[in-house]
Amino acid sequence: MGSRKTYGGPPSRESRSGQLAHGVRSAGTRAGSTIRGPTGAYLSLGEAASGLGLNTFTLVAQINRIERELGGPLLVRAERGRPMTLTPLGRRVLRAIRTSQDGAKS
């Protein structure tokens, strides 16, 4: 395991949505992609919430809401010995976010 950054407190409300979109990225585009953030792979939603400075319940509730609106799961939740991964829908949504961000930068 690598070294971890020290926790400097939660990010501001304005920066959280940008972190979620910018910071969470997949390790690849094939099935079983690991969820990654600014400090490396997030193995679970609890770890991702902590890394993003969010309450786990808040992150899970938001992901559940988005999944309901999109009509399917974005993540295969972590289980013992298996990290969470993106579903095919999750990978498509992530590509759309990146494309949108790339267009906004130009």
PDB file of N, CA and C in Angstrom:
ATOM      1  N   MET A   1       0.827  -1.183   0.000  1.00  0.00           N
ATOM      2  CA  MET A   1       0.000   0.000   0.000  1.00  0.00           C
ATOM      3  C   MET A   1       0.867   1.241   0.000  1.00  0.00           C
ATOM      4  N   GLY A   2       0.381   2.288  -0.644  1.00  0.00           N
ATOM      5  CA  GLY A   2       1.118   3.539  -0.699  1.00  0.00           C
ATOM      6  C   GLY A   2       0.810   4.413   0.494  1.00  0.00           C
ATOM      7  N   SER A   3       1.529   5.495   0.578  1.00  0.00           N
ATOM      8  CA  SER A   3       1.279   6.416   1.684  1.00  0.00           C
ATOM      9  C   SER A   3       0.006   7.205   1.410  1.00  0.00           C
ATOM     10  N   ARG A   4      -0.644   7.611   2.452  1.00  0.00           N
ATOM     11  CA  ARG A   4      -1.889   8.370   2.329  1.00  0.00           C
ATOM     12  C   ARG A   4      -1.639   9.818   2.685  1.00  0.00           C
ATOM     13  N   LYS A   5      -2.402  10.704   2.043  1.00  0.00           N
ATOM     14  CA  LYS A   5      -2.311  12.120   2.379  1.00  0.00           C
ATOM     15  C   LYS A   5      -3.017  12.356   3.700  1.00  0.00           C
ATOM     16  N   THR A   6      -2.555  13.348   4.431  1.00  0.00           N
ATOM     17  CA  THR A   6      -3.218  13.684   5.683  1.00  0.00           C
ATOM     18  C   THR A   6      -4.526  14.388   5.369  1.00  0.00           C
ATOM     19  N   TYR A   7      -5.486  14.196   6.221  1.00  0.00           N
ATOM     20  CA  TYR A   7      -6.817  14.763   6.026  1.00  0.00           C
ATOM     21  C   TYR A   7      -6.812  16.212   6.459  1.00  0.00           C
ATOM     22  N   GLY A   8      -7.158  17.108   5.539  1.00  0.00           N
ATOM     23  CA  GLY A   8      -7.156  18.534   5.833  1.00  0.00           C
ATOM     24  C   GLY A   8      -8.529  19.106   6.036  1.00  0.00           C
ATOM     25  N   GLY A   9      -9.506  18.275   6.332  1.00  0.00           N
ATOM     26  CA  GLY A   9     -10.875  18.742   6.513  1.00  0.00           C
ATOM     27  C   GLY A   9     -11.661  18.622   5.231  1.00  0.00           C
ATOM     28  N   PRO A  10     -12.965  18.721   5.331  1.00  0.00           N
ATOM     29  CA  PRO A  10     -13.798  18.548   4.143  1.00  0.00           C
ATOM     30  C   PRO A  10     -13.636  19.712   3.170  1.00  0.00           C
ATOM     31  N   PRO A  11     -13.772  19.417   1.869  1.00  0.00           N
ATOM     32  CA  PRO A  11     -13.711  20.501   0.892  1.00  0.00           C
ATOM     33  C   PRO A  11     -14.961  21.362   0.982  1.00  0.00           C
ATOM     34  N   SER A  12     -14.877  22.554   0.444  1.00  0.00           N
ATOM     35  CA  SER A  12     -16.040  23.432   0.453  1.00  0.00           C
ATOM     36  C   SER A  12     -17.148  22.833  -0.403  1.00  0.00           C
ATOM     37  N   ARG A  13     -18.366  23.260  -0.173  1.00  0.00           N
ATOM     38  CA  ARG A  13     -19.515  22.763  -0.921  1.00  0.00           C
ATOM     39  C   ARG A  13     -19.321  22.986  -2.415  1.00  0.00           C
ATOM     40  N   GLU A  14     -18.735  24.126  -2.789  1.00  0.00           N
ATOM     41  CA  GLU A  14     -18.541  24.451  -4.201  1.00  0.00           C
ATOM     42  C   GLU A  14     -17.568  23.492  -4.866  1.00  0.00           C
ATOM     43  N   SER A  15     -16.580  22.994  -4.132  1.00  0.00           N
ATOM     44  CA  SER A  15     -15.573  22.136  -4.746  1.00  0.00           C
ATOM     45  C   SER A  15     -15.963  20.667  -4.756  1.00  0.00           C
ATOM     46  N   ARG A  16     -16.952  20.260  -3.974  1.00  0.00           N
ATOM     47  CA  ARG A  16     -17.306  18.844  -3.889  1.00  0.00           C
ATOM     48  C   ARG A  16     -17.781  18.276  -5.206  1.00  0.00           C
ATOM     49  N   SER A  17     -18.672  18.967  -5.909  1.00  0.00           N
ATOM     50  CA  SER A  17     -19.184  18.422  -7.163  1.00  0.00           C
ATOM     51  C   SER A  17     -18.068  18.319  -8.184  1.00  0.00           C
ATOM     52  N   GLY A  18     -17.161  19.258  -8.193  1.00  0.00           N
ATOM     53  CA  GLY A  18     -16.026  19.186  -9.099  1.00  0.00           C
ATOM     54  C   GLY A  18     -15.112  18.022  -8.757  1.00  0.00           C
ATOM     55  N   GLN A  19     -14.927  17.749  -7.468  1.00  0.00           N
ATOM     56  CA  GLN A  19     -14.100  16.618  -7.060  1.00  0.00           C
ATOM     57  C   GLN A  19     -14.748  15.315  -7.490  1.00  0.00           C
ATOM     58  N   LEU A  20     -16.049  15.218  -7.332  1.00  0.00           N
ATOM     59  CA  LEU A  20     -16.737  13.999  -7.700  1.00  0.00           C
ATOM     60  C   LEU A  20     -16.570  13.731  -9.179  1.00  0.00           C
ATOM     61  N   ALA A  21     -16.756  14.753  -9.990  1.00  0.00           N
ATOM     62  CA  ALA A  21     -16.648  14.572 -11.433  1.00  0.00           C
ATOM     63  C   ALA A  21     -15.193  14.451 -11.878  1.00  0.00           C
ATOM     64  N   HIS A  22     -14.311  15.296 -11.342  1.00  0.00           N
ATOM     65  CA  HIS A  22     -12.906  15.280 -11.744  1.00  0.00           C
ATOM     66  C   HIS A  22     -12.121  14.165 -11.064  1.00  0.00           C
ATOM     67  N   GLY A  23     -12.331  14.003  -9.775  1.00  0.00           N
ATOM     68  CA  GLY A  23     -11.495  13.107  -9.003  1.00  0.00           C
ATOM     69  C   GLY A  23     -11.800  11.643  -9.199  1.00  0.00           C
ATOM     70  N   VAL A  24     -13.046  11.283  -9.434  1.00  0.00           N
ATOM     71  CA  VAL A  24     -13.401   9.888  -9.575  1.00  0.00           C
ATOM     72  C   VAL A  24     -13.200   9.503 -11.022  1.00  0.00           C
ATOM     73  N   ARG A  25     -12.317   8.557 -11.237  1.00  0.00           N
ATOM     74  CA  ARG A  25     -12.044   8.114 -12.592  1.00  0.00           C
ATOM     75  C   ARG A  25     -11.830   6.610 -12.588  1.00  0.00           C
ATOM     76  N   SER A  26     -12.076   5.982 -13.694  1.00  0.00           N
ATOM     77  CA  SER A  26     -11.921   4.526 -13.748  1.00  0.00           C
ATOM     78  C   SER A  26     -10.501   4.167 -14.130  1.00  0.00           C
ATOM     79  N   ALA A  27     -10.100   2.968 -13.766  1.00  0.00           N
ATOM     80  CA  ALA A  27      -8.765   2.485 -14.093  1.00  0.00           C
ATOM     81  C   ALA A  27      -8.695   2.044 -15.539  1.00  0.00           C
ATOM     82  N   GLY A  28      -9.813   1.870 -16.176  1.00  0.00           N
ATOM     83  CA  GLY A  28      -9.845   1.441 -17.565  1.00  0.00           C
ATOM     84  C   GLY A  28     -11.248   1.509 -18.093  1.00  0.00           C
ATOM     85  N   THR A  29     -11.442   0.963 -19.271  1.00  0.00           N
ATOM     86  CA  THR A  29     -12.773   1.025 -19.861  1.00  0.00           C
ATOM     87  C   THR A  29     -13.416  -0.341 -19.960  1.00  0.00           C
ATOM     88  N   ARG A  30     -12.770  -1.370 -19.485  1.00  0.00           N
ATOM     89  CA  ARG A  30     -13.366  -2.698 -19.566  1.00  0.00           C
ATOM     90  C   ARG A  30     -14.078  -3.023 -18.257  1.00  0.00           C
ATOM     91  N   ALA A  31     -14.859  -4.106 -18.276  1.00  0.00           N
ATOM     92  CA  ALA A  31     -15.606  -4.516 -17.086  1.00  0.00           C
ATOM     93  C   ALA A  31     -14.658  -4.692 -15.911  1.00  0.00           C
ATOM     94  N   GLY A  32     -15.105  -4.304 -14.736  1.00  0.00           N
ATOM     95  CA  GLY A  32     -14.311  -4.452 -13.536  1.00  0.00           C
ATOM     96  C   GLY A  32     -13.409  -3.268 -13.250  1.00  0.00           C
ATOM     97  N   SER A  33     -13.668  -2.135 -13.874  1.00  0.00           N
ATOM     98  CA  SER A  33     -12.838  -0.952 -13.643  1.00  0.00           C
ATOM     99  C   SER A  33     -12.908  -0.544 -12.180  1.00  0.00           C
ATOM    100  N   THR A  34     -11.757  -0.243 -11.609  1.00  0.00           N
ATOM    101  CA  THR A  34     -11.673   0.208 -10.225  1.00  0.00           C
ATOM    102  C   THR A  34     -12.015   1.688 -10.171  1.00  0.00           C
ATOM    103  N   ILE A  35     -12.675   2.113  -9.107  1.00  0.00           N
ATOM    104  CA  ILE A  35     -13.004   3.514  -8.923  1.00  0.00           C
ATOM    105  C   ILE A  35     -11.792   4.207  -8.338  1.00  0.00           C
ATOM    106  N   ARG A  36     -11.367   5.292  -8.966  1.00  0.00           N
ATOM    107  CA  ARG A  36     -10.177   6.007  -8.521  1.00  0.00           C
ATOM    108  C   ARG A  36     -10.527   7.434  -8.145  1.00  0.00           C
ATOM    109  N   GLY A  37      -9.746   7.973  -7.226  1.00  0.00           N
ATOM    110  CA  GLY A  37      -9.900   9.358  -6.810  1.00  0.00           C
ATOM    111  C   GLY A  37      -8.549  10.031  -6.799  1.00  0.00           C
ATOM    112  N   PRO A  38      -8.490  11.251  -6.306  1.00  0.00           N
ATOM    113  CA  PRO A  38      -7.245  12.013  -6.310  1.00  0.00           C
ATOM    114  C   PRO A  38      -6.102  11.330  -5.558  1.00  0.00           C
ATOM    115  N   THR A  39      -6.412  10.460  -4.602  1.00  0.00           N
ATOM    116  CA  THR A  39      -5.365   9.827  -3.806  1.00  0.00           C
ATOM    117  C   THR A  39      -5.197   8.351  -4.137  1.00  0.00           C
ATOM    118  N   GLY A  40      -5.796   7.861  -5.212  1.00  0.00           N
ATOM    119  CA  GLY A  40      -5.657   6.459  -5.592  1.00  0.00           C
ATOM    120  C   GLY A  40      -7.000   5.766  -5.640  1.00  0.00           C
ATOM    121  N   ALA A  41      -6.971   4.436  -5.655  1.00  0.00           N
ATOM    122  CA  ALA A  41      -8.191   3.650  -5.800  1.00  0.00           C
ATOM    123  C   ALA A  41      -9.041   3.695  -4.533  1.00  0.00           C
ATOM    124  N   TYR A  42     -10.327   3.883  -4.716  1.00  0.00           N
ATOM    125  CA  TYR A  42     -11.285   3.778  -3.616  1.00  0.00           C
ATOM    126  C   TYR A  42     -11.863   2.377  -3.689  1.00  0.00           C
ATOM    127  N   LEU A  43     -11.732   1.627  -2.622  1.00  0.00           N
ATOM    128  CA  LEU A  43     -12.209   0.255  -2.616  1.00  0.00           C
ATOM    129  C   LEU A  43     -13.674   0.140  -2.237  1.00  0.00           C
ATOM    130  N   SER A  44     -14.210   1.168  -1.578  1.00  0.00           N
ATOM    131  CA  SER A  44     -15.601   1.126  -1.122  1.00  0.00           C
ATOM    132  C   SER A  44     -16.187   2.533  -1.148  1.00  0.00           C
ATOM    133  N   LEU A  45     -17.508   2.605  -1.028  1.00  0.00           N
ATOM    134  CA  LEU A  45     -18.162   3.915  -0.981  1.00  0.00           C
ATOM    135  C   LEU A  45     -17.789   4.662   0.294  1.00  0.00           C
ATOM    136  N   GLY A  46     -17.599   3.942   1.395  1.00  0.00           N
ATOM    137  CA  GLY A  46     -17.172   4.579   2.642  1.00  0.00           C
ATOM    138  C   GLY A  46     -15.815   5.245   2.489  1.00  0.00           C
ATOM    139  N   GLU A  47     -14.894   4.552   1.833  1.00  0.00           N
ATOM    140  CA  GLU A  47     -13.563   5.109   1.600  1.00  0.00           C
ATOM    141  C   GLU A  47     -13.643   6.300   0.642  1.00  0.00           C
ATOM    142  N   ALA A  48     -14.469   6.190  -0.392  1.00  0.00           N
ATOM    143  CA  ALA A  48     -14.637   7.297  -1.339  1.00  0.00           C
ATOM    144  C   ALA A  48     -15.225   8.516  -0.634  1.00  0.00           C
ATOM    145  N   ALA A  49     -16.244   8.296   0.191  1.00  0.00           N
ATOM    146  CA  ALA A  49     -16.859   9.406   0.928  1.00  0.00           C
ATOM    147  C   ALA A  49     -15.827  10.099   1.808  1.00  0.00           C
ATOM    148  N   SER A  50     -15.046   9.323   2.508  1.00  0.00           N
ATOM    149  CA  SER A  50     -14.021   9.897   3.373  1.00  0.00           C
ATOM    150  C   SER A  50     -13.007  10.694   2.555  1.00  0.00           C
ATOM    151  N   GLY A  51     -12.574  10.141   1.431  1.00  0.00           N
ATOM    152  CA  GLY A  51     -11.613  10.823   0.575  1.00  0.00           C
ATOM    153  C   GLY A  51     -12.147  12.108  -0.025  1.00  0.00           C
ATOM    154  N   LEU A  52     -13.465  12.176  -0.212  1.00  0.00           N
ATOM    155  CA  LEU A  52     -14.094  13.369  -0.777  1.00  0.00           C
ATOM    156  C   LEU A  52     -14.597  14.331   0.295  1.00  0.00           C
ATOM    157  N   GLY A  53     -14.432  13.958   1.560  1.00  0.00           N
ATOM    158  CA  GLY A  53     -14.875  14.820   2.653  1.00  0.00           C
ATOM    159  C   GLY A  53     -16.381  14.834   2.809  1.00  0.00           C
ATOM    160  N   LEU A  54     -17.031  13.711   2.473  1.00  0.00           N
ATOM    161  CA  LEU A  54     -18.483  13.599   2.579  1.00  0.00           C
ATOM    162  C   LEU A  54     -18.850  12.551   3.615  1.00  0.00           C
ATOM    163  N   ASN A  55     -20.063  12.636   4.125  1.00  0.00           N
ATOM    164  CA  ASN A  55     -20.633  11.611   4.975  1.00  0.00           C
ATOM    165  C   ASN A  55     -20.993  10.434   4.068  1.00  0.00           C
ATOM    166  N   THR A  56     -20.707   9.191   4.496  1.00  0.00           N
ATOM    167  CA  THR A  56     -21.004   8.013   3.673  1.00  0.00           C
ATOM    168  C   THR A  56     -22.480   7.954   3.305  1.00  0.00           C
ATOM    169  N   PHE A  57     -23.362   8.204   4.264  1.00  0.00           N
ATOM    170  CA  PHE A  57     -24.800   8.160   3.985  1.00  0.00           C
ATOM    171  C   PHE A  57     -25.170   9.138   2.871  1.00  0.00           C
ATOM    172  N   THR A  58     -24.605  10.336   2.921  1.00  0.00           N
ATOM    173  CA  THR A  58     -24.891  11.363   1.912  1.00  0.00           C
ATOM    174  C   THR A  58     -24.446  10.901   0.530  1.00  0.00           C
ATOM    175  N   LEU A  59     -23.242  10.354   0.422  1.00  0.00           N
ATOM    176  CA  LEU A  59     -22.743   9.883  -0.866  1.00  0.00           C
ATOM    177  C   LEU A  59     -23.589   8.739  -1.396  1.00  0.00           C
ATOM    178  N   VAL A  60     -23.892   7.765  -0.557  1.00  0.00           N
ATOM    179  CA  VAL A  60     -24.703   6.621  -0.974  1.00  0.00           C
ATOM    180  C   VAL A  60     -26.093   7.077  -1.406  1.00  0.00           C
ATOM    181  N   ALA A  61     -26.707   7.991  -0.662  1.00  0.00           N
ATOM    182  CA  ALA A  61     -28.040   8.493  -1.024  1.00  0.00           C
ATOM    183  C   ALA A  61     -28.016   9.188  -2.374  1.00  0.00           C
ATOM    184  N   GLN A  62     -26.988   9.986  -2.632  1.00  0.00           N
ATOM    185  CA  GLN A  62     -26.882  10.686  -3.915  1.00  0.00           C
ATOM    186  C   GLN A  62     -26.660   9.711  -5.069  1.00  0.00           C
ATOM    187  N   ILE A  63     -25.795   8.727  -4.866  1.00  0.00           N
ATOM    188  CA  ILE A  63     -25.567   7.729  -5.912  1.00  0.00           C
ATOM    189  C   ILE A  63     -26.839   6.938  -6.176  1.00  0.00           C
ATOM    190  N   ASN A  64     -27.543   6.558  -5.122  1.00  0.00           N
ATOM    191  CA  ASN A  64     -28.814   5.836  -5.296  1.00  0.00           C
ATOM    192  C   ASN A  64     -29.823   6.675  -6.072  1.00  0.00           C
ATOM    193  N   ARG A  65     -29.903   7.971  -5.776  1.00  0.00           N
ATOM    194  CA  ARG A  65     -30.826   8.862  -6.487  1.00  0.00           C
ATOM    195  C   ARG A  65     -30.470   8.945  -7.964  1.00  0.00           C
ATOM    196  N   ILE A  66     -29.190   9.101  -8.252  1.00  0.00           N
ATOM    197  CA  ILE A  66     -28.746   9.188  -9.644  1.00  0.00           C
ATOM    198  C   ILE A  66     -29.029   7.876 -10.371  1.00  0.00           C
ATOM    199  N   GLU A  67     -28.779   6.752  -9.709  1.00  0.00           N
ATOM    200  CA  GLU A  67     -29.053   5.451 -10.323  1.00  0.00           C
ATOM    201  C   GLU A  67     -30.537   5.282 -10.642  1.00  0.00           C
ATOM    202  N   ARG A  68     -31.410   5.733  -9.736  1.00  0.00           N
ATOM    203  CA  ARG A  68     -32.851   5.674 -10.003  1.00  0.00           C
ATOM    204  C   ARG A  68     -33.216   6.519 -11.213  1.00  0.00           C
ATOM    205  N   GLU A  69     -32.654   7.729 -11.287  1.00  0.00           N
ATOM    206  CA  GLU A  69     -32.956   8.631 -12.397  1.00  0.00           C
ATOM    207  C   GLU A  69     -32.442   8.084 -13.729  1.00  0.00           C
ATOM    208  N   LEU A  70     -31.296   7.413 -13.708  1.00  0.00           N
ATOM    209  CA  LEU A  70     -30.722   6.879 -14.939  1.00  0.00           C
ATOM    210  C   LEU A  70     -31.246   5.488 -15.290  1.00  0.00           C
ATOM    211  N   GLY A  71     -31.929   4.856 -14.345  1.00  0.00           N
ATOM    212  CA  GLY A  71     -32.549   3.565 -14.619  1.00  0.00           C
ATOM    213  C   GLY A  71     -31.643   2.360 -14.477  1.00  0.00           C
ATOM    214  N   GLY A  72     -30.555   2.494 -13.743  1.00  0.00           N
ATOM    215  CA  GLY A  72     -29.683   1.337 -13.530  1.00  0.00           C
ATOM    216  C   GLY A  72     -28.525   1.671 -12.625  1.00  0.00           C
ATOM    217  N   PRO A  73     -27.817   0.628 -12.181  1.00  0.00           N
ATOM    218  CA  PRO A  73     -26.693   0.838 -11.264  1.00  0.00           C
ATOM    219  C   PRO A  73     -25.470   1.413 -11.967  1.00  0.00           C
ATOM    220  N   LEU A  74     -24.775   2.300 -11.271  1.00  0.00           N
ATOM    221  CA  LEU A  74     -23.514   2.861 -11.762  1.00  0.00           C
ATOM    222  C   LEU A  74     -22.318   2.081 -11.229  1.00  0.00           C
ATOM    223  N   LEU A  75     -22.507   1.446 -10.078  1.00  0.00           N
ATOM    224  CA  LEU A  75     -21.428   0.740  -9.394  1.00  0.00           C
ATOM    225  C   LEU A  75     -21.864  -0.656  -8.994  1.00  0.00           C
ATOM    226  N   VAL A  76     -20.904  -1.571  -9.005  1.00  0.00           N
ATOM    227  CA  VAL A  76     -21.076  -2.852  -8.325  1.00  0.00           C
ATOM    228  C   VAL A  76     -20.457  -2.610  -6.962  1.00  0.00           C
ATOM    229  N   ARG A  77     -21.282  -2.647  -5.923  1.00  0.00           N
ATOM    230  CA  ARG A  77     -20.819  -2.314  -4.574  1.00  0.00           C
ATOM    231  C   ARG A  77     -19.753  -3.298  -4.109  1.00  0.00           C
ATOM    232  N   ALA A  78     -18.863  -2.823  -3.248  1.00  0.00           N
ATOM    233  CA  ALA A  78     -17.790  -3.646  -2.694  1.00  0.00           C
ATOM    234  C   ALA A  78     -18.378  -4.731  -1.801  1.00  0.00           C
ATOM    235  N   GLU A  79     -17.744  -5.886  -1.839  1.00  0.00           N
ATOM    236  CA  GLU A  79     -18.058  -6.981  -0.920  1.00  0.00           C
ATOM    237  C   GLU A  79     -16.748  -7.471  -0.354  1.00  0.00           C
ATOM    238  N   ARG A  80     -16.820  -8.352   0.600  1.00  0.00           N
ATOM    239  CA  ARG A  80     -15.590  -8.854   1.229  1.00  0.00           C
ATOM    240  C   ARG A  80     -14.601  -9.320   0.169  1.00  0.00           C
ATOM    241  N   GLY A  81     -13.413  -8.732   0.207  1.00  0.00           N
ATOM    242  CA  GLY A  81     -12.352  -9.147  -0.685  1.00  0.00           C
ATOM    243  C   GLY A  81     -12.494  -8.674  -2.123  1.00  0.00           C
ATOM    244  N   ARG A  82     -13.532  -7.898  -2.406  1.00  0.00           N
ATOM    245  CA  ARG A  82     -13.740  -7.414  -3.772  1.00  0.00           C
ATOM    246  C   ARG A  82     -14.080  -5.935  -3.725  1.00  0.00           C
ATOM    247  N   PRO A  83     -13.273  -5.093  -4.398  1.00  0.00           N
ATOM    248  CA  PRO A  83     -13.545  -3.656  -4.382  1.00  0.00           C
ATOM    249  C   PRO A  83     -14.747  -3.312  -5.261  1.00  0.00           C
ATOM    250  N   MET A  84     -15.315  -2.131  -5.057  1.00  0.00           N
ATOM    251  CA  MET A  84     -16.389  -1.678  -5.927  1.00  0.00           C
ATOM    252  C   MET A  84     -15.826  -1.408  -7.321  1.00  0.00           C
ATOM    253  N   THR A  85     -16.677  -1.562  -8.316  1.00  0.00           N
ATOM    254  CA  THR A  85     -16.274  -1.337  -9.704  1.00  0.00           C
ATOM    255  C   THR A  85     -17.398  -0.625 -10.445  1.00  0.00           C
ATOM    256  N   LEU A  86     -17.067  -0.023 -11.563  1.00  0.00           N
ATOM    257  CA  LEU A  86     -18.069   0.613 -12.409  1.00  0.00           C
ATOM    258  C   LEU A  86     -18.816  -0.434 -13.229  1.00  0.00           C
ATOM    259  N   THR A  87     -20.100  -0.214 -13.426  1.00  0.00           N
ATOM    260  CA  THR A  87     -20.888  -1.038 -14.335  1.00  0.00           C
ATOM    261  C   THR A  87     -20.724  -0.460 -15.742  1.00  0.00           C
ATOM    262  N   PRO A  88     -21.215  -1.150 -16.765  1.00  0.00           N
ATOM    263  CA  PRO A  88     -21.180  -0.561 -18.112  1.00  0.00           C
ATOM    264  C   PRO A  88     -21.878   0.809 -18.156  1.00  0.00           C
ATOM    265  N   LEU A  89     -23.019   0.952 -17.460  1.00  0.00           N
ATOM    266  CA  LEU A  89     -23.699   2.245 -17.406  1.00  0.00           C
ATOM    267  C   LEU A  89     -22.818   3.275 -16.708  1.00  0.00           C
ATOM    268  N   GLY A  90     -22.167   2.882 -15.625  1.00  0.00           N
ATOM    269  CA  GLY A  90     -21.269   3.782 -14.903  1.00  0.00           C
ATOM    270  C   GLY A  90     -20.134   4.276 -15.785  1.00  0.00           C
ATOM    271  N   ARG A  91     -19.578   3.386 -16.607  1.00  0.00           N
ATOM    272  CA  ARG A  91     -18.500   3.786 -17.516  1.00  0.00           C
ATOM    273  C   ARG A  91     -19.011   4.752 -18.582  1.00  0.00           C
ATOM    274  N   ARG A  92     -20.240   4.519 -19.091  1.00  0.00           N
ATOM    275  CA  ARG A  92     -20.815   5.443 -20.089  1.00  0.00           C
ATOM    276  C   ARG A  92     -21.055   6.818 -19.481  1.00  0.00           C
ATOM    277  N   VAL A  93     -21.573   6.859 -18.263  1.00  0.00           N
ATOM    278  CA  VAL A  93     -21.814   8.137 -17.587  1.00  0.00           C
ATOM    279  C   VAL A  93     -20.491   8.862 -17.348  1.00  0.00           C
ATOM    280  N   LEU A  94     -19.482   8.138 -16.909  1.00  0.00           N
ATOM    281  CA  LEU A  94     -18.178   8.748 -16.664  1.00  0.00           C
ATOM    282  C   LEU A  94     -17.592   9.317 -17.963  1.00  0.00           C
ATOM    283  N   ARG A  95     -17.715   8.581 -19.064  1.00  0.00           N
ATOM    284  CA  ARG A  95     -17.232   9.101 -20.356  1.00  0.00           C
ATOM    285  C   ARG A  95     -17.972  10.372 -20.738  1.00  0.00           C
ATOM    286  N   ALA A  96     -19.292  10.409 -20.508  1.00  0.00           N
ATOM    287  CA  ALA A  96     -20.084  11.602 -20.830  1.00  0.00           C
ATOM    288  C   ALA A  96     -19.641  12.797 -19.982  1.00  0.00           C
ATOM    289  N   ILE A  97     -19.365  12.569 -18.711  1.00  0.00           N
ATOM    290  CA  ILE A  97     -18.889  13.642 -17.825  1.00  0.00           C
ATOM    291  C   ILE A  97     -17.560  14.163 -18.326  1.00  0.00           C
ATOM    292  N   ARG A  98     -16.643  13.258 -18.645  1.00  0.00           N
ATOM    293  CA  ARG A  98     -15.323  13.679 -19.133  1.00  0.00           C
ATOM    294  C   ARG A  98     -15.429  14.454 -20.439  1.00  0.00           C
ATOM    295  N   THR A  99     -16.274  13.983 -21.345  1.00  0.00           N
ATOM    296  CA  THR A  99     -16.465  14.672 -22.629  1.00  0.00           C
ATOM    297  C   THR A  99     -16.993  16.076 -22.392  1.00  0.00           C
ATOM    298  N   SER A 100     -17.950  16.207 -21.484  1.00  0.00           N
ATOM    299  CA  SER A 100     -18.521  17.505 -21.148  1.00  0.00           C
ATOM    300  C   SER A 100     -17.457  18.420 -20.543  1.00  0.00           C
ATOM    301  N   GLN A 101     -16.653  17.883 -19.647  1.00  0.00           N
ATOM    302  CA  GLN A 101     -15.598  18.681 -19.026  1.00  0.00           C
ATOM    303  C   GLN A 101     -14.543  19.093 -20.037  1.00  0.00           C
ATOM    304  N   ASP A 102     -14.187  18.187 -20.940  1.00  0.00           N
ATOM    305  CA  ASP A 102     -13.199  18.518 -21.976  1.00  0.00           C
ATOM    306  C   ASP A 102     -13.728  19.630 -22.875  1.00  0.00           C
ATOM    307  N   GLY A 103     -15.023  19.589 -23.211  1.00  0.00           N
ATOM    308  CA  GLY A 103     -15.628  20.630 -24.031  1.00  0.00           C
ATOM    309  C   GLY A 103     -15.665  21.967 -23.320  1.00  0.00           C
ATOM    310  N   ALA A 104     -15.858  21.938 -22.006  1.00  0.00           N
ATOM    311  CA  ALA A 104     -15.918  23.168 -21.219  1.00  0.00           C
ATOM    312  C   ALA A 104     -14.530  23.804 -21.099  1.00  0.00           C
ATOM    313  N   LYS A 105     -13.476  22.999 -21.143  1.00  0.00           N
ATOM    314  CA  LYS A 105     -12.118  23.509 -21.026  1.00  0.00           C
ATOM    315  C   LYS A 105     -11.670  24.195 -22.313  1.00  0.00           C
ATOM    316  N   SER A 106     -12.205  23.749 -23.431  1.00  0.00           N
ATOM    317  CA  SER A 106     -11.773  24.307 -24.729  1.00  0.00           C
ATOM    318  C   SER A 106     -12.290  25.689 -24.985  1.00  0.00           C
TER     319      SER A 106
END
